[in-house]
Each structure stands twice: as structure tokens, then as C-alpha cells.
């Protein structure tokens, strides 16, 4: 019942279980009431976590357009941080409870996958704004503000679902998700 009055929603998915039946029911209701949403893939610190499988499941089961804004650095016991695709930098958690972190270089073994998903993000963003499309095709740099503005527009229209990940239990990725609520969902 509450979906009728919501301005925006965060859809939570388990990194191990993926899209579950109850999630499908709530998602369809959100579609019915045109509720803009972002998705958070939780429990990246658990054994068997698979961020990319959850993205695939969201695409297949909901016929949605999930677009990752972050990528995990490791999974399970070695989940140590995130890669911010908008700013192209790594966020490394320096404490077990996620209260402290530092920005740094993207690990070498993740540079290729980062570039792939960053290109996908830019293509999606450019498809919602003619000026950005022109800049992208001319290989000009897109600013973080331009990217965020386009993501917000696409999210509010329901044509893009920004995807984030982390571990709520260890408070990793939660700050980034709250920033995303402010940046991309209705005020």
C-alpha cells in the first residue's frame, strides 16, 4: 500500500540469493505506480556473492535497464571496497566497520572490467542528453555533474536503474547509497 505514496525507493537485493519472489512482487507494484528507484546489492561480504549475476537477474526478470554506478573490489571475505565509475576512482575501506575509507587507484586486475562498465555508463548517460551524446561521440570528457544530471533524469523517468553494492552489516557502501538517494531520487 505504501508504494502509492512513495516518491522514490531503494530496491534491496541479496548478492548471494539475487532476485527473490517477494522482490518481483514489490518491483511490479513500483512499476505500476511509476516509483523511481535505485538498487542496492547487499551482503557483498558473504561467500558466494555475485554482483554481476544480480545485475543479470534484474535485467532478465524485470526487463529493466540496470546501470552499475560502482563495482565491488573483491567479494566475500576479501570485499575491501568499491570502484566509483562516475569519478573513476577506488574507495578502499580501511576499517572493518566501514567507518573509515580512502580514495585510491583502481587495482590493476580490475581496470579492464572498470573500463567496460564505465563505457557502458557513459553510453547510457549520453543516450538521455543530446549535448552529452555529442561530447561523448567527439571523445570529450564528461564531467561528474553532467553525468549525475543525466542519471537523475533517466532515473526519474524510470528508464534507468542505478545499481550500487556493499555490505549494510559492515557499513560498506551505505554512505554512497545515501548520496545516491540525494543525487538521483526526487527531493
C-alpha atoms as a PDB file:
ATOM      1  CA  UNK A   1       0.000   0.000   0.000  1.00  0.00           C
ATOM      2  CA  UNK A   2       2.787   2.420   0.786  1.00  0.00           C
ATOM      3  CA  UNK A   3       4.121   2.298  -2.796  1.00  0.00           C
ATOM      4  CA  UNK A   4       1.260   4.555  -3.900  1.00  0.00           C
ATOM      5  CA  UNK A   5       2.597   7.485  -1.907  1.00  0.00           C
ATOM      6  CA  UNK A   6       6.351   6.973  -2.246  1.00  0.00           C
ATOM      7  CA  UNK A   7       8.434   9.482  -4.183  1.00  0.00           C
ATOM      8  CA  UNK A   8      11.304   7.028  -4.636  1.00  0.00           C
ATOM      9  CA  UNK A   9      12.541   3.639  -3.460  1.00  0.00           C
ATOM     10  CA  UNK A  10      15.699   1.627  -2.877  1.00  0.00           C
ATOM     11  CA  UNK A  11      15.288  -1.968  -4.018  1.00  0.00           C
ATOM     12  CA  UNK A  12      17.459  -4.279  -1.905  1.00  0.00           C
ATOM     13  CA  UNK A  13      18.843  -7.485  -3.348  1.00  0.00           C
ATOM     14  CA  UNK A  14      20.970 -10.182  -1.746  1.00  0.00           C
ATOM     15  CA  UNK A  15      24.302 -10.655  -3.525  1.00  0.00           C
ATOM     16  CA  UNK A  16      24.017 -14.411  -2.933  1.00  0.00           C
ATOM     17  CA  UNK A  17      20.280 -15.032  -3.494  1.00  0.00           C
ATOM     18  CA  UNK A  18      19.736 -12.418  -6.204  1.00  0.00           C
ATOM     19  CA  UNK A  19      16.190 -11.541  -7.226  1.00  0.00           C
ATOM     20  CA  UNK A  20      13.721 -13.354  -4.967  1.00  0.00           C
ATOM     21  CA  UNK A  21       9.938 -13.811  -5.487  1.00  0.00           C
ATOM     22  CA  UNK A  22       8.962 -11.108  -2.985  1.00  0.00           C
ATOM     23  CA  UNK A  23      11.303  -8.679  -4.764  1.00  0.00           C
ATOM     24  CA  UNK A  24       9.475  -9.378  -8.025  1.00  0.00           C
ATOM     25  CA  UNK A  25       6.107  -8.583  -6.439  1.00  0.00           C
ATOM     26  CA  UNK A  26       7.289  -5.287  -4.982  1.00  0.00           C
ATOM     27  CA  UNK A  27       9.078  -4.349  -8.221  1.00  0.00           C
ATOM     28  CA  UNK A  28       5.905  -4.859 -10.268  1.00  0.00           C
ATOM     29  CA  UNK A  29       3.956  -2.692  -7.821  1.00  0.00           C
ATOM     30  CA  UNK A  30       6.604   0.031  -8.090  1.00  0.00           C
ATOM     31  CA  UNK A  31       6.289  -0.185 -11.881  1.00  0.00           C
ATOM     32  CA  UNK A  32       2.525   0.106 -11.582  1.00  0.00           C
ATOM     33  CA  UNK A  33       2.762   3.321  -9.547  1.00  0.00           C
ATOM     34  CA  UNK A  34       5.745   4.715 -11.507  1.00  0.00           C
ATOM     35  CA  UNK A  35       8.007   4.897  -8.465  1.00  0.00           C
ATOM     36  CA  UNK A  36      11.583   5.814  -9.468  1.00  0.00           C
ATOM     37  CA  UNK A  37      14.129   3.547  -7.838  1.00  0.00           C
ATOM     38  CA  UNK A  38      17.735   2.674  -7.336  1.00  0.00           C
ATOM     39  CA  UNK A  39      19.006  -0.782  -6.402  1.00  0.00           C
ATOM     40  CA  UNK A  40      21.431  -1.835  -3.701  1.00  0.00           C
ATOM     41  CA  UNK A  41      23.071  -5.265  -3.861  1.00  0.00           C
ATOM     42  CA  UNK A  42      23.695  -6.130  -0.221  1.00  0.00           C
ATOM     43  CA  UNK A  43      25.804  -8.801   1.512  1.00  0.00           C
ATOM     44  CA  UNK A  44      28.839  -8.469  -0.743  1.00  0.00           C
ATOM     45  CA  UNK A  45      30.867  -9.689   2.242  1.00  0.00           C
ATOM     46  CA  UNK A  46      29.235 -13.151   2.159  1.00  0.00           C
ATOM     47  CA  UNK A  47      30.673 -16.223   0.489  1.00  0.00           C
ATOM     48  CA  UNK A  48      29.079 -16.774  -2.910  1.00  0.00           C
ATOM     49  CA  UNK A  49      28.266 -13.104  -3.509  1.00  0.00           C
ATOM     50  CA  UNK A  50      27.961 -12.313  -7.241  1.00  0.00           C
ATOM     51  CA  UNK A  51      27.225  -8.677  -8.089  1.00  0.00           C
ATOM     52  CA  UNK A  52      27.192  -9.254 -11.843  1.00  0.00           C
ATOM     53  CA  UNK A  53      24.741 -12.153 -11.577  1.00  0.00           C
ATOM     54  CA  UNK A  54      22.296  -9.949  -9.655  1.00  0.00           C
ATOM     55  CA  UNK A  55      22.528  -7.306 -12.411  1.00  0.00           C
ATOM     56  CA  UNK A  56      21.808 -10.003 -14.995  1.00  0.00           C
ATOM     57  CA  UNK A  57      18.812 -11.253 -12.975  1.00  0.00           C
ATOM     58  CA  UNK A  58      17.380  -7.719 -12.645  1.00  0.00           C
ATOM     59  CA  UNK A  59      17.685  -7.236 -16.400  1.00  0.00           C
ATOM     60  CA  UNK A  60      16.084 -10.583 -17.237  1.00  0.00           C
ATOM     61  CA  UNK A  61      13.318 -10.760 -14.638  1.00  0.00           C
ATOM     62  CA  UNK A  62      12.208  -7.129 -14.648  1.00  0.00           C
ATOM     63  CA  UNK A  63      13.047  -6.166 -18.235  1.00  0.00           C
ATOM     64  CA  UNK A  64      14.757  -3.177 -16.621  1.00  0.00           C
ATOM     65  CA  UNK A  65      17.882  -1.211 -17.508  1.00  0.00           C
ATOM     66  CA  UNK A  66      20.261  -1.734 -14.562  1.00  0.00           C
ATOM     67  CA  UNK A  67      23.327   0.504 -14.785  1.00  0.00           C
ATOM     68  CA  UNK A  68      26.088  -0.008 -12.196  1.00  0.00           C
ATOM     69  CA  UNK A  69      27.482   3.168 -10.640  1.00  0.00           C
ATOM     70  CA  UNK A  70      30.002   1.227  -8.563  1.00  0.00           C
ATOM     71  CA  UNK A  71      31.814  -2.088  -8.861  1.00  0.00           C
ATOM     72  CA  UNK A  72      32.933  -4.222  -5.913  1.00  0.00           C
ATOM     73  CA  UNK A  73      36.582  -4.750  -5.095  1.00  0.00           C
ATOM     74  CA  UNK A  74      36.544  -8.380  -4.071  1.00  0.00           C
ATOM     75  CA  UNK A  75      33.677 -10.437  -2.662  1.00  0.00           C
ATOM     76  CA  UNK A  76      33.163 -12.487   0.469  1.00  0.00           C
ATOM     77  CA  UNK A  77      35.964 -12.160   3.000  1.00  0.00           C
ATOM     78  CA  UNK A  78      38.042 -10.107   0.562  1.00  0.00           C
ATOM     79  CA  UNK A  79      35.383  -7.436  -0.089  1.00  0.00           C
ATOM     80  CA  UNK A  80      37.540  -4.398   0.629  1.00  0.00           C
ATOM     81  CA  UNK A  81      35.996  -1.538  -1.309  1.00  0.00           C
ATOM     82  CA  UNK A  82      34.231  -0.099  -4.321  1.00  0.00           C
ATOM     83  CA  UNK A  83      35.137   1.428  -7.649  1.00  0.00           C
ATOM     84  CA  UNK A  84      33.242   4.652  -8.309  1.00  0.00           C
ATOM     85  CA  UNK A  85      32.533   4.572 -12.045  1.00  0.00           C
ATOM     86  CA  UNK A  86      31.477   8.226 -12.226  1.00  0.00           C
ATOM     87  CA  UNK A  87      34.705   9.556 -10.710  1.00  0.00           C
ATOM     88  CA  UNK A  88      36.859   6.620 -11.879  1.00  0.00           C
ATOM     89  CA  UNK A  89      38.488   6.005  -8.506  1.00  0.00           C
ATOM     90  CA  UNK A  90      38.680   3.278  -5.910  1.00  0.00           C
ATOM     91  CA  UNK A  91      37.177   3.605  -2.436  1.00  0.00           C
ATOM     92  CA  UNK A  92      39.128   1.369  -0.066  1.00  0.00           C
ATOM     93  CA  UNK A  93      37.686   0.706   3.392  1.00  0.00           C
ATOM     94  CA  UNK A  94      40.444   0.930   5.985  1.00  0.00           C
ATOM     95  CA  UNK A  95      38.413  -0.281   8.947  1.00  0.00           C
ATOM     96  CA  UNK A  96      36.362  -3.428   9.427  1.00  0.00           C
ATOM     97  CA  UNK A  97      33.192  -1.474  10.298  1.00  0.00           C
ATOM     98  CA  UNK A  98      33.383   0.729   7.179  1.00  0.00           C
ATOM     99  CA  UNK A  99      33.649   3.948   9.187  1.00  0.00           C
ATOM    100  CA  UNK A 100      36.906   4.998   7.545  1.00  0.00           C
ATOM    101  CA  UNK A 101      37.906   4.819   3.913  1.00  0.00           C
ATOM    102  CA  UNK A 102      40.306   6.398   1.499  1.00  0.00           C
ATOM    103  CA  UNK A 103      40.302   7.114  -2.211  1.00  0.00           C
ATOM    104  CA  UNK A 104      42.957   5.496  -4.321  1.00  0.00           C
ATOM    105  CA  UNK A 105      43.986   3.877  -7.561  1.00  0.00           C
ATOM    106  CA  UNK A 106      41.851   1.205  -9.180  1.00  0.00           C
ATOM    107  CA  UNK A 107      43.541  -2.208  -8.757  1.00  0.00           C
ATOM    108  CA  UNK A 108      45.283  -3.387 -11.944  1.00  0.00           C
ATOM    109  CA  UNK A 109      43.268  -6.614 -12.168  1.00  0.00           C
ATOM    110  CA  UNK A 110      40.008  -4.589 -12.253  1.00  0.00           C
ATOM    111  CA  UNK A 111      40.997  -1.890 -14.746  1.00  0.00           C
ATOM    112  CA  UNK A 112      39.651  -3.768 -17.776  1.00  0.00           C
ATOM    113  CA  UNK A 113      36.220  -4.516 -16.251  1.00  0.00           C
ATOM    114  CA  UNK A 114      36.101  -0.956 -14.883  1.00  0.00           C
ATOM    115  CA  UNK A 115      36.679   0.469 -18.340  1.00  0.00           C
ATOM    116  CA  UNK A 116      33.973  -1.794 -19.798  1.00  0.00           C
ATOM    117  CA  UNK A 117      31.324  -0.710 -17.280  1.00  0.00           C
ATOM    118  CA  UNK A 118      32.432   2.924 -17.355  1.00  0.00           C
ATOM    119  CA  UNK A 119      31.961   2.940 -21.129  1.00  0.00           C
ATOM    120  CA  UNK A 120      28.518   1.332 -20.668  1.00  0.00           C
ATOM    121  CA  UNK A 121      27.600   4.027 -18.114  1.00  0.00           C
ATOM    122  CA  UNK A 122      28.720   6.815 -20.461  1.00  0.00           C
ATOM    123  CA  UNK A 123      26.774   5.342 -23.377  1.00  0.00           C
ATOM    124  CA  UNK A 124      23.618   5.098 -21.272  1.00  0.00           C
ATOM    125  CA  UNK A 125      24.036   8.616 -19.900  1.00  0.00           C
ATOM    126  CA  UNK A 126      24.718  10.072 -23.353  1.00  0.00           C
ATOM    127  CA  UNK A 127      21.560   8.492 -24.759  1.00  0.00           C
ATOM    128  CA  UNK A 128      19.428  10.740 -22.493  1.00  0.00           C
ATOM    129  CA  UNK A 129      21.036  14.045 -23.401  1.00  0.00           C
ATOM    130  CA  UNK A 130      21.881  15.266 -26.923  1.00  0.00           C
ATOM    131  CA  UNK A 131      24.657  17.578 -25.723  1.00  0.00           C
ATOM    132  CA  UNK A 132      26.297  14.745 -23.796  1.00  0.00           C
ATOM    133  CA  UNK A 133      25.914  12.442 -26.784  1.00  0.00           C
ATOM    134  CA  UNK A 134      27.762  14.950 -28.943  1.00  0.00           C
ATOM    135  CA  UNK A 135      30.524  15.327 -26.345  1.00  0.00           C
ATOM    136  CA  UNK A 136      30.786  11.551 -25.969  1.00  0.00           C
ATOM    137  CA  UNK A 137      30.980  10.950 -29.729  1.00  0.00           C
ATOM    138  CA  UNK A 138      33.638  13.671 -30.027  1.00  0.00           C
ATOM    139  CA  UNK A 139      35.535  11.885 -27.232  1.00  0.00           C
ATOM    140  CA  UNK A 140      35.390  14.929 -24.972  1.00  0.00           C
ATOM    141  CA  UNK A 141      35.494  14.367 -21.222  1.00  0.00           C
ATOM    142  CA  UNK A 142      32.144  14.267 -19.431  1.00  0.00           C
ATOM    143  CA  UNK A 143      32.068  15.968 -16.032  1.00  0.00           C
ATOM    144  CA  UNK A 144      30.701  14.226 -12.948  1.00  0.00           C
ATOM    145  CA  UNK A 145      27.953  16.868 -12.710  1.00  0.00           C
ATOM    146  CA  UNK A 146      26.830  16.252 -16.311  1.00  0.00           C
ATOM    147  CA  UNK A 147      26.777  12.506 -15.722  1.00  0.00           C
ATOM    148  CA  UNK A 148      24.809  12.868 -12.483  1.00  0.00           C
ATOM    149  CA  UNK A 149      22.288  15.194 -14.078  1.00  0.00           C
ATOM    150  CA  UNK A 150      21.600  12.734 -16.873  1.00  0.00           C
ATOM    151  CA  UNK A 151      21.393   9.771 -14.468  1.00  0.00           C
ATOM    152  CA  UNK A 152      18.885  11.700 -12.343  1.00  0.00           C
ATOM    153  CA  UNK A 153      16.723  12.458 -15.376  1.00  0.00           C
ATOM    154  CA  UNK A 154      16.779   8.819 -16.552  1.00  0.00           C
ATOM    155  CA  UNK A 155      16.084   7.514 -13.021  1.00  0.00           C
ATOM    156  CA  UNK A 156      13.097   9.798 -12.526  1.00  0.00           C
ATOM    157  CA  UNK A 157      11.708   8.702 -15.906  1.00  0.00           C
ATOM    158  CA  UNK A 158      12.175   5.067 -14.882  1.00  0.00           C
ATOM    159  CA  UNK A 159      14.334   4.273 -17.896  1.00  0.00           C
ATOM    160  CA  UNK A 160      17.482   3.586 -15.842  1.00  0.00           C
ATOM    161  CA  UNK A 161      18.032   1.794 -12.546  1.00  0.00           C
ATOM    162  CA  UNK A 162      21.298   2.902 -10.884  1.00  0.00           C
ATOM    163  CA  UNK A 163      22.885  -0.102  -9.163  1.00  0.00           C
ATOM    164  CA  UNK A 164      25.110   0.100  -6.092  1.00  0.00           C
ATOM    165  CA  UNK A 165      26.565  -2.564  -3.847  1.00  0.00           C
ATOM    166  CA  UNK A 166      28.039  -3.064  -0.418  1.00  0.00           C
ATOM    167  CA  UNK A 167      27.527  -4.640   2.953  1.00  0.00           C
ATOM    168  CA  UNK A 168      24.975  -2.992   5.228  1.00  0.00           C
ATOM    169  CA  UNK A 169      26.141  -5.154   8.152  1.00  0.00           C
ATOM    170  CA  UNK A 170      29.684  -3.808   7.850  1.00  0.00           C
ATOM    171  CA  UNK A 171      28.523  -0.314   6.796  1.00  0.00           C
ATOM    172  CA  UNK A 172      30.377  -0.526   3.473  1.00  0.00           C
ATOM    173  CA  UNK A 173      28.725   1.184   0.524  1.00  0.00           C
ATOM    174  CA  UNK A 174      25.918   2.609   2.657  1.00  0.00           C
ATOM    175  CA  UNK A 175      27.242   6.202   2.571  1.00  0.00           C
ATOM    176  CA  UNK A 176      27.488   6.043  -1.220  1.00  0.00           C
ATOM    177  CA  UNK A 177      23.892   4.753  -1.397  1.00  0.00           C
ATOM    178  CA  UNK A 178      22.604   7.623   0.750  1.00  0.00           C
ATOM    179  CA  UNK A 179      24.432  10.079  -1.518  1.00  0.00           C
ATOM    180  CA  UNK A 180      22.733   8.394  -4.481  1.00  0.00           C
ATOM    181  CA  UNK A 181      19.309   8.856  -2.883  1.00  0.00           C
ATOM    182  CA  UNK A 182      20.033  12.577  -2.611  1.00  0.00           C
ATOM    183  CA  UNK A 183      21.505  12.834  -6.116  1.00  0.00           C
ATOM    184  CA  UNK A 184      19.039  10.766  -8.154  1.00  0.00           C
ATOM    185  CA  UNK A 185      15.690  10.306  -6.408  1.00  0.00           C
ATOM    186  CA  UNK A 186      13.009  13.002  -6.044  1.00  0.00           C
ATOM    187  CA  UNK A 187      13.663  15.505  -3.253  1.00  0.00           C
END
